[in-house]
Amino acid sequence: MLWVVMDVDPAINDLIRYIKPQGTILMMGVSEYKVNINTRDSLEKGLLLVGSSRSGRVDFKMPSK
């Protein structure tokens, strides 16, 4: 497993390029900007991309009507 702190386009794509097939990349933190990820190579290699932040499930619940 490799990890990367978000907000760094080249670092994410370097990891995708060099990680072994069926590897896992853990993305930590939240970027203020859109981050380009090479989806073609990540899908070809069968990579698992996992995101993590300080937010929990309760932070994403929709209010009840």
PDB file of N, CA and C in Angstrom:
ATOM      1  N   MET A   1       0.844  -1.165   0.000  1.00  0.00           N
ATOM      2  CA  MET A   1       0.000   0.000   0.000  1.00  0.00           C
ATOM      3  C   MET A   1       0.896   1.236   0.000  1.00  0.00           C
ATOM      4  N   LEU A   2       0.507   2.213  -0.792  1.00  0.00           N
ATOM      5  CA  LEU A   2       1.189   3.506  -0.833  1.00  0.00           C
ATOM      6  C   LEU A   2       0.195   4.574  -0.429  1.00  0.00           C
ATOM      7  N   TRP A   3       0.671   5.656   0.147  1.00  0.00           N
ATOM      8  CA  TRP A   3      -0.240   6.730   0.535  1.00  0.00           C
ATOM      9  C   TRP A   3       0.249   8.047  -0.020  1.00  0.00           C
ATOM     10  N   VAL A   4      -0.700   8.964  -0.178  1.00  0.00           N
ATOM     11  CA  VAL A   4      -0.379  10.292  -0.688  1.00  0.00           C
ATOM     12  C   VAL A   4      -1.290  11.301  -0.002  1.00  0.00           C
ATOM     13  N   VAL A   5      -0.728  12.465   0.308  1.00  0.00           N
ATOM     14  CA  VAL A   5      -1.527  13.564   0.830  1.00  0.00           C
ATOM     15  C   VAL A   5      -2.065  14.315  -0.378  1.00  0.00           C
ATOM     16  N   MET A   6      -3.372  14.555  -0.397  1.00  0.00           N
ATOM     17  CA  MET A   6      -4.011  15.160  -1.566  1.00  0.00           C
ATOM     18  C   MET A   6      -3.448  16.549  -1.845  1.00  0.00           C
ATOM     19  N   ASP A   7      -3.731  17.065  -3.014  1.00  0.00           N
ATOM     20  CA  ASP A   7      -3.314  18.383  -3.481  1.00  0.00           C
ATOM     21  C   ASP A   7      -2.009  18.321  -4.263  1.00  0.00           C
ATOM     22  N   VAL A   8      -1.578  17.127  -4.629  1.00  0.00           N
ATOM     23  CA  VAL A   8      -0.320  16.990  -5.349  1.00  0.00           C
ATOM     24  C   VAL A   8      -0.538  16.089  -6.568  1.00  0.00           C
ATOM     25  N   ASP A   9      -0.953  16.685  -7.705  1.00  0.00           N
ATOM     26  CA  ASP A   9      -1.228  15.919  -8.921  1.00  0.00           C
ATOM     27  C   ASP A   9      -0.080  14.994  -9.325  1.00  0.00           C
ATOM     28  N   PRO A  10       1.135  15.515  -9.476  1.00  0.00           N
ATOM     29  CA  PRO A  10       2.211  14.645  -9.962  1.00  0.00           C
ATOM     30  C   PRO A  10       2.485  13.461  -9.037  1.00  0.00           C
ATOM     31  N   ALA A  11       2.356  13.658  -7.733  1.00  0.00           N
ATOM     32  CA  ALA A  11       2.641  12.569  -6.793  1.00  0.00           C
ATOM     33  C   ALA A  11       1.642  11.435  -6.955  1.00  0.00           C
ATOM     34  N   ILE A  12       0.371  11.747  -7.122  1.00  0.00           N
ATOM     35  CA  ILE A  12      -0.645  10.708  -7.283  1.00  0.00           C
ATOM     36  C   ILE A  12      -0.386   9.922  -8.561  1.00  0.00           C
ATOM     37  N   ASN A  13      -0.132  10.611  -9.648  1.00  0.00           N
ATOM     38  CA  ASN A  13       0.084   9.927 -10.910  1.00  0.00           C
ATOM     39  C   ASN A  13       1.408   9.169 -10.946  1.00  0.00           C
ATOM     40  N   ASP A  14       2.416   9.645 -10.214  1.00  0.00           N
ATOM     41  CA  ASP A  14       3.661   8.878 -10.083  1.00  0.00           C
ATOM     42  C   ASP A  14       3.388   7.564  -9.348  1.00  0.00           C
ATOM     43  N   LEU A  15       2.580   7.622  -8.286  1.00  0.00           N
ATOM     44  CA  LEU A  15       2.241   6.396  -7.551  1.00  0.00           C
ATOM     45  C   LEU A  15       1.504   5.417  -8.456  1.00  0.00           C
ATOM     46  N   ILE A  16       0.549   5.911  -9.232  1.00  0.00           N
ATOM     47  CA  ILE A  16      -0.197   5.048 -10.151  1.00  0.00           C
ATOM     48  C   ILE A  16       0.749   4.412 -11.161  1.00  0.00           C
ATOM     49  N   ARG A  17       1.718   5.159 -11.638  1.00  0.00           N
ATOM     50  CA  ARG A  17       2.667   4.653 -12.623  1.00  0.00           C
ATOM     51  C   ARG A  17       3.564   3.559 -12.034  1.00  0.00           C
ATOM     52  N   TYR A  18       4.000   3.704 -10.795  1.00  0.00           N
ATOM     53  CA  TYR A  18       5.011   2.808 -10.238  1.00  0.00           C
ATOM     54  C   TYR A  18       4.481   1.696  -9.337  1.00  0.00           C
ATOM     55  N   ILE A  19       3.229   1.803  -8.877  1.00  0.00           N
ATOM     56  CA  ILE A  19       2.692   0.773  -7.982  1.00  0.00           C
ATOM     57  C   ILE A  19       2.463  -0.523  -8.759  1.00  0.00           C
ATOM     58  N   LYS A  20       2.587  -1.645  -8.078  1.00  0.00           N
ATOM     59  CA  LYS A  20       2.372  -2.945  -8.721  1.00  0.00           C
ATOM     60  C   LYS A  20       0.881  -3.143  -8.989  1.00  0.00           C
ATOM     61  N   PRO A  21       0.547  -3.949 -10.011  1.00  0.00           N
ATOM     62  CA  PRO A  21      -0.864  -4.235 -10.294  1.00  0.00           C
ATOM     63  C   PRO A  21      -1.585  -4.767  -9.055  1.00  0.00           C
ATOM     64  N   GLN A  22      -2.843  -4.372  -8.925  1.00  0.00           N
ATOM     65  CA  GLN A  22      -3.739  -4.725  -7.831  1.00  0.00           C
ATOM     66  C   GLN A  22      -3.260  -4.191  -6.489  1.00  0.00           C
ATOM     67  N   GLY A  23      -2.477  -3.113  -6.511  1.00  0.00           N
ATOM     68  CA  GLY A  23      -2.033  -2.463  -5.288  1.00  0.00           C
ATOM     69  C   GLY A  23      -3.101  -1.509  -4.755  1.00  0.00           C
ATOM     70  N   THR A  24      -2.827  -0.909  -3.604  1.00  0.00           N
ATOM     71  CA  THR A  24      -3.754   0.012  -2.961  1.00  0.00           C
ATOM     72  C   THR A  24      -3.065   1.349  -2.731  1.00  0.00           C
ATOM     73  N   ILE A  25      -3.767   2.429  -3.054  1.00  0.00           N
ATOM     74  CA  ILE A  25      -3.285   3.780  -2.780  1.00  0.00           C
ATOM     75  C   ILE A  25      -4.249   4.427  -1.796  1.00  0.00           C
ATOM     76  N   LEU A  26      -3.728   4.900  -0.683  1.00  0.00           N
ATOM     77  CA  LEU A  26      -4.528   5.591   0.333  1.00  0.00           C
ATOM     78  C   LEU A  26      -4.336   7.086   0.157  1.00  0.00           C
ATOM     79  N   MET A  27      -5.440   7.791  -0.122  1.00  0.00           N
ATOM     80  CA  MET A  27      -5.397   9.241  -0.300  1.00  0.00           C
ATOM     81  C   MET A  27      -5.915   9.886   0.977  1.00  0.00           C
ATOM     82  N   MET A  28      -5.104  10.747   1.576  1.00  0.00           N
ATOM     83  CA  MET A  28      -5.464  11.356   2.859  1.00  0.00           C
ATOM     84  C   MET A  28      -5.574  12.860   2.717  1.00  0.00           C
ATOM     85  N   GLY A  29      -6.530  13.427   3.417  1.00  0.00           N
ATOM     86  CA  GLY A  29      -6.699  14.871   3.412  1.00  0.00           C
ATOM     87  C   GLY A  29      -7.682  15.309   2.349  1.00  0.00           C
ATOM     88  N   VAL A  30      -7.969  16.582   2.340  1.00  0.00           N
ATOM     89  CA  VAL A  30      -8.927  17.151   1.401  1.00  0.00           C
ATOM     90  C   VAL A  30      -8.248  18.263   0.630  1.00  0.00           C
ATOM     91  N   SER A  31      -8.395  18.219  -0.673  1.00  0.00           N
ATOM     92  CA  SER A  31      -7.821  19.256  -1.509  1.00  0.00           C
ATOM     93  C   SER A  31      -8.818  20.384  -1.699  1.00  0.00           C
ATOM     94  N   GLU A  32      -8.335  21.589  -1.777  1.00  0.00           N
ATOM     95  CA  GLU A  32      -9.183  22.735  -2.078  1.00  0.00           C
ATOM     96  C   GLU A  32      -9.421  22.853  -3.576  1.00  0.00           C
ATOM     97  N   TYR A  33      -8.678  22.086  -4.354  1.00  0.00           N
ATOM     98  CA  TYR A  33      -8.740  22.156  -5.806  1.00  0.00           C
ATOM     99  C   TYR A  33      -9.019  20.778  -6.377  1.00  0.00           C
ATOM    100  N   LYS A  34      -9.480  20.732  -7.616  1.00  0.00           N
ATOM    101  CA  LYS A  34      -9.652  19.457  -8.298  1.00  0.00           C
ATOM    102  C   LYS A  34      -8.280  18.845  -8.549  1.00  0.00           C
ATOM    103  N   VAL A  35      -8.183  17.543  -8.348  1.00  0.00           N
ATOM    104  CA  VAL A  35      -6.928  16.832  -8.544  1.00  0.00           C
ATOM    105  C   VAL A  35      -7.116  15.852  -9.699  1.00  0.00           C
ATOM    106  N   ASN A  36      -6.277  15.939 -10.706  1.00  0.00           N
ATOM    107  CA  ASN A  36      -6.351  15.040 -11.855  1.00  0.00           C
ATOM    108  C   ASN A  36      -5.717  13.703 -11.515  1.00  0.00           C
ATOM    109  N   ILE A  37      -6.464  12.631 -11.763  1.00  0.00           N
ATOM    110  CA  ILE A  37      -5.969  11.283 -11.505  1.00  0.00           C
ATOM    111  C   ILE A  37      -6.029  10.495 -12.804  1.00  0.00           C
ATOM    112  N   ASN A  38      -4.967   9.791 -13.129  1.00  0.00           N
ATOM    113  CA  ASN A  38      -4.891   8.988 -14.341  1.00  0.00           C
ATOM    114  C   ASN A  38      -5.753   7.733 -14.161  1.00  0.00           C
ATOM    115  N   THR A  39      -7.047   7.857 -14.483  1.00  0.00           N
ATOM    116  CA  THR A  39      -7.971   6.742 -14.274  1.00  0.00           C
ATOM    117  C   THR A  39      -7.687   5.576 -15.214  1.00  0.00           C
ATOM    118  N   ARG A  40      -7.212   5.863 -16.403  1.00  0.00           N
ATOM    119  CA  ARG A  40      -6.939   4.781 -17.361  1.00  0.00           C
ATOM    120  C   ARG A  40      -5.920   3.790 -16.800  1.00  0.00           C
ATOM    121  N   ASP A  41      -4.783   4.304 -16.331  1.00  0.00           N
ATOM    122  CA  ASP A  41      -3.746   3.419 -15.794  1.00  0.00           C
ATOM    123  C   ASP A  41      -4.193   2.745 -14.503  1.00  0.00           C
ATOM    124  N   SER A  42      -4.933   3.460 -13.661  1.00  0.00           N
ATOM    125  CA  SER A  42      -5.374   2.853 -12.402  1.00  0.00           C
ATOM    126  C   SER A  42      -6.365   1.720 -12.660  1.00  0.00           C
ATOM    127  N   LEU A  43      -7.225   1.865 -13.668  1.00  0.00           N
ATOM    128  CA  LEU A  43      -8.164   0.792 -14.006  1.00  0.00           C
ATOM    129  C   LEU A  43      -7.458  -0.375 -14.678  1.00  0.00           C
ATOM    130  N   GLU A  44      -6.511  -0.083 -15.570  1.00  0.00           N
ATOM    131  CA  GLU A  44      -5.765  -1.156 -16.233  1.00  0.00           C
ATOM    132  C   GLU A  44      -5.023  -2.030 -15.226  1.00  0.00           C
ATOM    133  N   LYS A  45      -4.495  -1.402 -14.173  1.00  0.00           N
ATOM    134  CA  LYS A  45      -3.743  -2.147 -13.163  1.00  0.00           C
ATOM    135  C   LYS A  45      -4.635  -2.754 -12.086  1.00  0.00           C
ATOM    136  N   GLY A  46      -5.912  -2.401 -12.086  1.00  0.00           N
ATOM    137  CA  GLY A  46      -6.817  -2.935 -11.073  1.00  0.00           C
ATOM    138  C   GLY A  46      -6.509  -2.398  -9.685  1.00  0.00           C
ATOM    139  N   LEU A  47      -6.145  -1.125  -9.606  1.00  0.00           N
ATOM    140  CA  LEU A  47      -5.766  -0.528  -8.327  1.00  0.00           C
ATOM    141  C   LEU A  47      -6.987  -0.212  -7.473  1.00  0.00           C
ATOM    142  N   LEU A  48      -6.780  -0.218  -6.172  1.00  0.00           N
ATOM    143  CA  LEU A  48      -7.796   0.191  -5.217  1.00  0.00           C
ATOM    144  C   LEU A  48      -7.387   1.554  -4.674  1.00  0.00           C
ATOM    145  N   LEU A  49      -8.197   2.575  -4.924  1.00  0.00           N
ATOM    146  CA  LEU A  49      -7.941   3.921  -4.420  1.00  0.00           C
ATOM    147  C   LEU A  49      -8.873   4.168  -3.247  1.00  0.00           C
ATOM    148  N   VAL A  50      -8.303   4.445  -2.070  1.00  0.00           N
ATOM    149  CA  VAL A  50      -9.082   4.630  -0.854  1.00  0.00           C
ATOM    150  C   VAL A  50      -8.874   6.050  -0.357  1.00  0.00           C
ATOM    151  N   GLY A  51      -9.965   6.739  -0.039  1.00  0.00           N
ATOM    152  CA  GLY A  51      -9.888   8.098   0.481  1.00  0.00           C
ATOM    153  C   GLY A  51     -10.190   8.135   1.963  1.00  0.00           C
ATOM    154  N   SER A  52      -9.519   9.017   2.686  1.00  0.00           N
ATOM    155  CA  SER A  52      -9.726   9.145   4.121  1.00  0.00           C
ATOM    156  C   SER A  52      -9.637  10.609   4.525  1.00  0.00           C
ATOM    157  N   SER A  53     -10.528  11.012   5.421  1.00  0.00           N
ATOM    158  CA  SER A  53     -10.473  12.374   5.965  1.00  0.00           C
ATOM    159  C   SER A  53     -10.952  12.331   7.412  1.00  0.00           C
ATOM    160  N   ARG A  54     -10.997  13.477   8.049  1.00  0.00           N
ATOM    161  CA  ARG A  54     -11.458  13.520   9.436  1.00  0.00           C
ATOM    162  C   ARG A  54     -12.965  13.373   9.535  1.00  0.00           C
ATOM    163  N   SER A  55     -13.672  13.541   8.439  1.00  0.00           N
ATOM    164  CA  SER A  55     -15.130  13.456   8.458  1.00  0.00           C
ATOM    165  C   SER A  55     -15.577  12.016   8.647  1.00  0.00           C
ATOM    166  N   GLY A  56     -16.708  11.849   9.308  1.00  0.00           N
ATOM    167  CA  GLY A  56     -17.293  10.534   9.501  1.00  0.00           C
ATOM    168  C   GLY A  56     -18.632  10.437   8.790  1.00  0.00           C
ATOM    169  N   ARG A  57     -19.251   9.295   8.873  1.00  0.00           N
ATOM    170  CA  ARG A  57     -20.523   9.055   8.196  1.00  0.00           C
ATOM    171  C   ARG A  57     -21.582  10.083   8.585  1.00  0.00           C
ATOM    172  N   VAL A  58     -21.630  10.455   9.852  1.00  0.00           N
ATOM    173  CA  VAL A  58     -22.644  11.404  10.317  1.00  0.00           C
ATOM    174  C   VAL A  58     -22.506  12.762   9.626  1.00  0.00           C
ATOM    175  N   ASP A  59     -21.312  13.123   9.202  1.00  0.00           N
ATOM    176  CA  ASP A  59     -21.090  14.408   8.528  1.00  0.00           C
ATOM    177  C   ASP A  59     -21.707  14.449   7.133  1.00  0.00           C
ATOM    178  N   PHE A  60     -22.050  13.302   6.566  1.00  0.00           N
ATOM    179  CA  PHE A  60     -22.565  13.257   5.210  1.00  0.00           C
ATOM    180  C   PHE A  60     -24.046  12.903   5.146  1.00  0.00           C
ATOM    181  N   LYS A  61     -24.691  12.692   6.303  1.00  0.00           N
ATOM    182  CA  LYS A  61     -26.097  12.337   6.311  1.00  0.00           C
ATOM    183  C   LYS A  61     -26.947  13.522   5.884  1.00  0.00           C
ATOM    184  N   MET A  62     -27.978  13.211   5.097  1.00  0.00           N
ATOM    185  CA  MET A  62     -28.932  14.239   4.673  1.00  0.00           C
ATOM    186  C   MET A  62     -29.916  14.491   5.818  1.00  0.00           C
ATOM    187  N   PRO A  63     -30.325  15.743   6.015  1.00  0.00           N
ATOM    188  CA  PRO A  63     -31.304  16.016   7.076  1.00  0.00           C
ATOM    189  C   PRO A  63     -32.639  15.356   6.773  1.00  0.00           C
ATOM    190  N   SER A  64     -33.299  14.872   7.811  1.00  0.00           N
ATOM    191  CA  SER A  64     -34.619  14.241   7.647  1.00  0.00           C
ATOM    192  C   SER A  64     -35.667  15.281   7.341  1.00  0.00           C
ATOM    193  N   LYS A  65     -36.624  14.901   6.499  1.00  0.00           N
ATOM    194  CA  LYS A  65     -37.712  15.832   6.157  1.00  0.00           C
ATOM    195  C   LYS A  65     -38.925  15.538   6.981  1.00  0.00           C
TER     196      LYS A  65
END
